[in-house]
Amino acid sequence: MARFPVTVSAFFPAHNEVDNIGPLTEKTVQVLSEAVEDYEVLIIDDGSTDGTRERADELARALPKVRVIHHEVNRGYGGALKSGIAACSKDWIFFTDGDGQFDVGELPLFLACTDQYDAIVGYRMDRSDPVHRKLFAFGWGTLIRILFGFRVKDLDCAFKLIKRKYLEGETLQAEGAVISVELFSILKRKNARIRQIGVHHYPRKAGIQSGGSPKVILRAFKELILFYRQLKG
C-alpha cells in the first residue's frame, strides 16, 4: 500500500454498536498505520447503553492511537459529529459510521486525491438499506437540491475526508442529519475543491438501525427547514 504524506484524524459516532466497534476500530488503525505519516482514531460513544462504552475503553487501552469521547446522554448524529470534529488534531478529518456498513479499506482511494482536492466525499454505489430508508433518502436529497442547490450524489454518505482547516473556526449548530447540509454549506462558502468517489455499502451485521425511525425523520425535516431559514435569513 502506498504511503501518503498527510496526517489524518479518523472518527466514528457509535450509539449501541458494541459488536461493530471493535472490528471497525482495529481495521481503521491497520489501514492508517500503513497509509499515512501520522494518525489518530477517535470513538465517539454517543450515550450507548449496550456495552459500547466499555468496549471502546478497552480498545483505547489496547491501541495507543485510539481515544474515546463519551457522551453521557445520546446527542444524536449531529452532536456526535460535532464532538468528533472538535477533537480532531491532524491535517485531515475522516469520518464514517460506527455500524461497519462501509469498508475503511477504501480510504486510500480518497487519500490519493489529497494533493488536488480539499474534500473527498463518498457516494454509495449500491445502498444496502431497507426500502423505507431509500425512499426517505430520495425525498431528502431532492429537497436539499431544491433548497440549497447542492450537486452532490449522496450528501449523507458517511464516508468523508475533509481538510481540517476548512472547518476550523466554524461553530456547527445541527444536532441531527442536517449536519451534512451544514458541512457542505461551509465547503461551498469557502470554495473548497470537492471530489466524489463511489464506495461500497454493506448490510449491517449486528445491532439495530435507528436513523430511519419516523421520529428521527420528522426531526430531521424540521431541523432542515430551520437551518434553511437561518441561512437565508
Foldseek 3Di string as FASTA:
>chain_A
DEAFAFEEEEEAEDAQQQVQQVVVVVQLCVLNVPHYDYYAYEYEHQQHDNCNVVSLVVVCVVDVRYDYHYDVHHLEDLVSVVVSLVPDDTQKYWYAYSQPQFDCNCVVVVSVCVVPFQKEEEDEPDAPDDPLVVVLQVVVVVVCCVLPVDPDRRLQHRTMMGGSVLCPPDDQDDRYSCSSVVVVVSCVVVVTGYHYDYGHTHDGPDDDDDCSDPVNSVVVVVVVVVVSVVVVD
